[in-house]
Amino acid sequence: MQIDLTVTETCWDRILDVIVDNGEPELKLRAFVQGGGCSGFQYGFTLDEAINEDDFVINGPNNVQILIDSVSYQYLAGATLDYKNDVMGSSFVVNNPNAKASCGCGSSFTV
C-alpha cells in the first residue's frame, strides 16, 4: 500500500540516533494522533518494538521504521514528519496540510 507521508532526512537521522542511544535495534518510532490539546487533537510520538496488525509501516534508511495506527493515519495522510532543534527545544514535529487550525505550540490541531 502506498503511504502518503513525507519523512525528512533530519527525522530519519534522529530516529536512528535514538535507537542507537537506547541500544535496542528493534525500536521503531510510533507517530499517533489522540484527542486533547487546546485545538482538539494532538500529535504524539513514542518508541515501540511491536508492529500491530492495523499499523502502517514506513521503512526508512538504515532499517529505521515509523509506525502509524490506522486511526491516526487518516489524520496524518499527506503530512510531513520532521525533527526540529531550536531555542524552543527539540522534538519531532508534524507539518500537516489537513489541519484547519493549530495552536501556538504546534502540537495540537483541528481538522
N, C-alpha and C. Protein backbone atom coordinates (compact mmCIF):
# COMPACT_ATOMS: atom_id res chain seq x y z
N MET A 1 0.83 -1.18 0.00
CA MET A 1 0.00 0.00 0.00
C MET A 1 0.88 1.25 0.00
N GLN A 2 0.55 2.20 -0.85
CA GLN A 2 1.28 3.46 -0.92
C GLN A 2 0.94 4.30 0.30
N ILE A 3 1.93 4.77 1.01
CA ILE A 3 1.72 5.58 2.19
C ILE A 3 2.02 7.02 1.84
N ASP A 4 1.03 7.88 2.00
CA ASP A 4 1.13 9.28 1.64
C ASP A 4 1.63 10.09 2.83
N LEU A 5 2.92 9.99 3.09
CA LEU A 5 3.54 10.69 4.21
C LEU A 5 5.00 10.94 3.84
N THR A 6 5.46 12.15 4.09
CA THR A 6 6.86 12.50 3.83
C THR A 6 7.61 12.53 5.15
N VAL A 7 8.81 11.97 5.15
CA VAL A 7 9.67 11.99 6.33
C VAL A 7 10.98 12.64 5.93
N THR A 8 11.38 13.68 6.65
CA THR A 8 12.61 14.38 6.30
C THR A 8 13.84 13.56 6.68
N GLU A 9 14.93 13.87 6.04
CA GLU A 9 16.20 13.20 6.37
C GLU A 9 16.59 13.47 7.82
N THR A 10 16.34 14.68 8.29
CA THR A 10 16.63 15.03 9.68
C THR A 10 15.85 14.15 10.64
N CYS A 11 14.60 13.87 10.31
CA CYS A 11 13.77 13.00 11.14
C CYS A 11 14.32 11.58 11.17
N TRP A 12 14.64 11.03 9.99
CA TRP A 12 15.21 9.67 9.93
C TRP A 12 16.50 9.60 10.75
N ASP A 13 17.35 10.61 10.61
CA ASP A 13 18.63 10.62 11.35
C ASP A 13 18.40 10.63 12.85
N ARG A 14 17.43 11.41 13.30
CA ARG A 14 17.18 11.49 14.75
C ARG A 14 16.60 10.19 15.29
N ILE A 15 15.72 9.56 14.52
CA ILE A 15 15.19 8.26 14.96
C ILE A 15 16.33 7.26 15.11
N LEU A 16 17.23 7.22 14.14
CA LEU A 16 18.37 6.31 14.22
C LEU A 16 19.22 6.63 15.44
N ASP A 17 19.46 7.90 15.72
CA ASP A 17 20.23 8.29 16.91
C ASP A 17 19.57 7.77 18.19
N VAL A 18 18.26 7.89 18.28
CA VAL A 18 17.53 7.44 19.46
C VAL A 18 17.65 5.92 19.62
N ILE A 19 17.52 5.21 18.51
CA ILE A 19 17.64 3.74 18.55
C ILE A 19 19.03 3.33 19.01
N VAL A 20 20.05 3.97 18.45
CA VAL A 20 21.43 3.65 18.82
C VAL A 20 21.68 4.01 20.28
N ASP A 21 21.21 5.18 20.72
CA ASP A 21 21.39 5.61 22.11
C ASP A 21 20.75 4.64 23.09
N ASN A 22 19.61 4.05 22.70
CA ASN A 22 18.91 3.10 23.57
C ASN A 22 19.49 1.70 23.48
N GLY A 23 20.31 1.44 22.48
CA GLY A 23 20.92 0.12 22.34
C GLY A 23 19.92 -0.98 22.04
N GLU A 24 18.78 -0.61 21.45
CA GLU A 24 17.74 -1.59 21.13
C GLU A 24 17.39 -1.47 19.65
N PRO A 25 18.02 -2.27 18.81
CA PRO A 25 17.83 -2.13 17.36
C PRO A 25 16.42 -2.43 16.87
N GLU A 26 15.58 -3.04 17.70
CA GLU A 26 14.20 -3.35 17.28
C GLU A 26 13.23 -2.19 17.51
N LEU A 27 13.70 -1.10 18.11
CA LEU A 27 12.83 0.04 18.37
C LEU A 27 12.38 0.71 17.08
N LYS A 28 11.15 1.22 17.11
CA LYS A 28 10.58 1.96 15.99
C LYS A 28 9.93 3.20 16.58
N LEU A 29 9.81 4.25 15.78
CA LEU A 29 9.09 5.43 16.23
C LEU A 29 7.62 5.26 15.88
N ARG A 30 6.76 5.41 16.88
CA ARG A 30 5.32 5.36 16.65
C ARG A 30 4.80 6.80 16.68
N ALA A 31 4.20 7.23 15.58
CA ALA A 31 3.57 8.54 15.49
C ALA A 31 2.06 8.32 15.59
N PHE A 32 1.39 9.13 16.38
CA PHE A 32 -0.05 8.93 16.55
C PHE A 32 -0.76 10.25 16.78
N VAL A 33 -2.07 10.19 16.65
CA VAL A 33 -2.94 11.33 16.93
C VAL A 33 -3.93 10.88 18.00
N GLN A 34 -4.15 11.75 18.98
CA GLN A 34 -5.12 11.43 20.03
C GLN A 34 -5.93 12.68 20.34
N GLY A 35 -7.09 12.47 20.94
CA GLY A 35 -7.91 13.60 21.35
C GLY A 35 -7.23 14.37 22.46
N GLY A 36 -7.43 15.67 22.47
CA GLY A 36 -6.85 16.51 23.51
C GLY A 36 -6.12 17.70 22.93
N GLY A 37 -5.43 18.38 23.77
CA GLY A 37 -4.72 19.58 23.33
C GLY A 37 -5.69 20.75 23.23
N CYS A 38 -5.18 21.92 23.04
CA CYS A 38 -6.04 23.11 23.03
C CYS A 38 -6.83 23.26 21.74
N SER A 39 -6.52 22.48 20.70
CA SER A 39 -7.24 22.59 19.43
C SER A 39 -8.07 21.36 19.08
N GLY A 40 -8.14 20.37 19.94
CA GLY A 40 -8.99 19.21 19.69
C GLY A 40 -8.26 17.90 19.54
N PHE A 41 -7.21 17.88 18.73
CA PHE A 41 -6.37 16.70 18.56
C PHE A 41 -4.94 17.09 18.87
N GLN A 42 -4.14 16.09 19.26
CA GLN A 42 -2.73 16.37 19.46
C GLN A 42 -1.89 15.22 18.90
N TYR A 43 -0.70 15.58 18.45
CA TYR A 43 0.25 14.60 17.94
C TYR A 43 1.01 13.98 19.10
N GLY A 44 1.40 12.74 18.93
CA GLY A 44 2.22 12.08 19.93
C GLY A 44 3.25 11.19 19.27
N PHE A 45 4.32 10.96 19.97
CA PHE A 45 5.41 10.10 19.49
C PHE A 45 5.90 9.25 20.65
N THR A 46 6.15 7.99 20.37
CA THR A 46 6.69 7.10 21.39
C THR A 46 7.55 6.06 20.68
N LEU A 47 8.34 5.35 21.45
CA LEU A 47 9.13 4.24 20.90
C LEU A 47 8.39 2.94 21.14
N ASP A 48 8.45 2.05 20.18
CA ASP A 48 7.73 0.79 20.27
C ASP A 48 8.54 -0.29 19.59
N GLU A 49 8.44 -1.51 20.08
CA GLU A 49 9.08 -2.65 19.44
C GLU A 49 8.11 -3.46 18.59
N ALA A 50 6.83 -3.41 18.95
CA ALA A 50 5.83 -4.27 18.31
C ALA A 50 5.13 -3.55 17.17
N ILE A 51 4.91 -4.29 16.10
CA ILE A 51 4.10 -3.80 15.00
C ILE A 51 2.72 -4.43 15.16
N ASN A 52 1.70 -3.58 15.30
CA ASN A 52 0.34 -4.06 15.47
C ASN A 52 -0.29 -4.38 14.11
N GLU A 53 -1.34 -5.18 14.15
CA GLU A 53 -1.99 -5.64 12.93
C GLU A 53 -2.50 -4.49 12.06
N ASP A 54 -2.96 -3.40 12.67
CA ASP A 54 -3.51 -2.29 11.89
C ASP A 54 -2.50 -1.18 11.61
N ASP A 55 -1.22 -1.40 11.89
CA ASP A 55 -0.20 -0.38 11.68
C ASP A 55 0.19 -0.23 10.22
N PHE A 56 0.39 1.02 9.82
CA PHE A 56 1.07 1.31 8.57
C PHE A 56 2.55 1.39 8.95
N VAL A 57 3.41 0.78 8.16
CA VAL A 57 4.85 0.77 8.44
C VAL A 57 5.55 1.54 7.34
N ILE A 58 6.32 2.55 7.74
CA ILE A 58 7.11 3.34 6.81
C ILE A 58 8.56 2.94 7.01
N ASN A 59 9.16 2.40 5.97
CA ASN A 59 10.55 1.95 6.04
C ASN A 59 11.48 3.05 5.54
N GLY A 60 12.49 3.34 6.35
CA GLY A 60 13.45 4.37 6.00
C GLY A 60 14.85 3.80 5.87
N PRO A 61 15.83 4.68 5.76
CA PRO A 61 17.22 4.25 5.64
C PRO A 61 17.70 3.56 6.92
N ASN A 62 18.69 2.73 6.78
CA ASN A 62 19.32 2.03 7.92
C ASN A 62 18.33 1.18 8.71
N ASN A 63 17.34 0.61 8.04
CA ASN A 63 16.32 -0.25 8.67
C ASN A 63 15.49 0.46 9.73
N VAL A 64 15.43 1.78 9.68
CA VAL A 64 14.61 2.55 10.60
C VAL A 64 13.16 2.48 10.13
N GLN A 65 12.22 2.37 11.09
CA GLN A 65 10.81 2.28 10.74
C GLN A 65 9.98 3.25 11.59
N ILE A 66 8.91 3.74 10.96
CA ILE A 66 7.92 4.55 11.65
C ILE A 66 6.61 3.78 11.57
N LEU A 67 5.89 3.72 12.69
CA LEU A 67 4.60 3.04 12.76
C LEU A 67 3.50 4.07 12.96
N ILE A 68 2.39 3.87 12.25
CA ILE A 68 1.21 4.72 12.42
C ILE A 68 -0.01 3.82 12.40
N ASP A 69 -0.81 3.88 13.46
CA ASP A 69 -2.03 3.06 13.50
C ASP A 69 -3.04 3.58 12.49
N SER A 70 -3.99 2.74 12.12
CA SER A 70 -4.92 3.08 11.04
C SER A 70 -5.81 4.28 11.38
N VAL A 71 -6.17 4.47 12.63
CA VAL A 71 -6.99 5.63 13.01
C VAL A 71 -6.17 6.92 12.87
N SER A 72 -4.95 6.91 13.37
CA SER A 72 -4.09 8.09 13.28
C SER A 72 -3.71 8.41 11.84
N TYR A 73 -3.56 7.38 11.03
CA TYR A 73 -3.12 7.60 9.65
C TYR A 73 -4.07 8.51 8.88
N GLN A 74 -5.36 8.39 9.13
CA GLN A 74 -6.31 9.24 8.40
C GLN A 74 -6.07 10.72 8.67
N TYR A 75 -5.52 11.07 9.83
CA TYR A 75 -5.22 12.45 10.16
C TYR A 75 -3.81 12.87 9.71
N LEU A 76 -2.94 11.90 9.49
CA LEU A 76 -1.56 12.20 9.12
C LEU A 76 -1.28 12.06 7.63
N ALA A 77 -2.20 11.48 6.88
CA ALA A 77 -2.00 11.31 5.43
C ALA A 77 -1.73 12.66 4.78
N GLY A 78 -0.67 12.73 4.00
CA GLY A 78 -0.28 13.95 3.31
C GLY A 78 0.63 14.86 4.12
N ALA A 79 0.90 14.50 5.37
CA ALA A 79 1.72 15.33 6.25
C ALA A 79 3.21 15.05 6.05
N THR A 80 4.01 15.88 6.67
CA THR A 80 5.47 15.71 6.69
C THR A 80 5.92 15.58 8.14
N LEU A 81 6.67 14.52 8.43
CA LEU A 81 7.27 14.35 9.76
C LEU A 81 8.68 14.91 9.71
N ASP A 82 9.02 15.70 10.71
CA ASP A 82 10.32 16.34 10.76
C ASP A 82 10.83 16.31 12.20
N TYR A 83 12.06 16.72 12.38
CA TYR A 83 12.64 16.87 13.71
C TYR A 83 13.24 18.26 13.78
N LYS A 84 12.84 19.01 14.78
CA LYS A 84 13.32 20.38 14.96
C LYS A 84 14.12 20.48 16.24
N ASN A 85 15.20 21.24 16.16
CA ASN A 85 16.04 21.53 17.32
C ASN A 85 16.34 23.02 17.28
N ASP A 86 15.65 23.80 18.12
CA ASP A 86 15.83 25.25 18.12
C ASP A 86 15.77 25.77 19.55
N VAL A 87 15.68 27.08 19.69
CA VAL A 87 15.70 27.69 21.02
C VAL A 87 14.50 27.28 21.88
N MET A 88 13.42 26.83 21.25
CA MET A 88 12.23 26.39 21.97
C MET A 88 12.36 24.94 22.44
N GLY A 89 13.39 24.25 22.00
CA GLY A 89 13.59 22.86 22.38
C GLY A 89 13.74 21.98 21.16
N SER A 90 13.77 20.69 21.38
CA SER A 90 13.88 19.75 20.27
C SER A 90 12.75 18.74 20.36
N SER A 91 12.21 18.40 19.19
CA SER A 91 11.10 17.45 19.17
C SER A 91 10.79 17.03 17.73
N PHE A 92 10.09 15.92 17.63
CA PHE A 92 9.52 15.52 16.36
C PHE A 92 8.31 16.41 16.12
N VAL A 93 8.12 16.85 14.89
CA VAL A 93 7.01 17.74 14.56
C VAL A 93 6.29 17.24 13.32
N VAL A 94 5.04 17.64 13.20
CA VAL A 94 4.22 17.28 12.05
C VAL A 94 3.81 18.56 11.34
N ASN A 95 4.09 18.64 10.06
CA ASN A 95 3.59 19.71 9.21
C ASN A 95 2.43 19.11 8.44
N ASN A 96 1.21 19.49 8.83
CA ASN A 96 0.03 18.82 8.33
C ASN A 96 -0.85 19.76 7.51
N PRO A 97 -0.90 19.54 6.19
CA PRO A 97 -1.74 20.41 5.35
C PRO A 97 -3.23 20.18 5.58
N ASN A 98 -3.61 19.09 6.25
CA ASN A 98 -5.02 18.80 6.52
C ASN A 98 -5.55 19.55 7.73
N ALA A 99 -4.67 20.08 8.55
CA ALA A 99 -5.09 20.80 9.75
C ALA A 99 -5.69 22.15 9.36
N LYS A 100 -6.89 22.40 9.82
CA LYS A 100 -7.56 23.67 9.52
C LYS A 100 -7.06 24.78 10.45
N ALA A 101 -6.63 24.38 11.65
CA ALA A 101 -6.10 25.33 12.62
C ALA A 101 -5.20 24.57 13.57
N SER A 102 -4.24 25.27 14.14
CA SER A 102 -3.38 24.64 15.15
C SER A 102 -3.10 25.65 16.24
N CYS A 103 -2.62 25.15 17.37
CA CYS A 103 -2.31 26.02 18.49
C CYS A 103 -0.94 26.67 18.27
N GLY A 104 -0.61 27.59 19.13
CA GLY A 104 0.66 28.29 19.01
C GLY A 104 1.87 27.40 19.16
N CYS A 105 1.76 26.34 19.95
CA CYS A 105 2.92 25.47 20.16
C CYS A 105 3.07 24.47 19.02
N GLY A 106 2.02 24.29 18.19
CA GLY A 106 2.11 23.39 17.05
C GLY A 106 1.89 21.93 17.37
N SER A 107 1.53 21.61 18.61
CA SER A 107 1.35 20.19 18.96
C SER A 107 -0.10 19.75 18.93
N SER A 108 -1.04 20.68 18.75
CA SER A 108 -2.43 20.28 18.62
C SER A 108 -3.06 20.97 17.41
N PHE A 109 -4.16 20.39 16.92
CA PHE A 109 -4.75 20.88 15.68
C PHE A 109 -6.22 20.51 15.60
N THR A 110 -6.92 21.11 14.64
CA THR A 110 -8.29 20.74 14.31
C THR A 110 -8.34 20.38 12.83
N VAL A 111 -9.31 19.54 12.46
CA VAL A 111 -9.49 19.17 11.05
C VAL A 111 -10.86 19.59 10.58
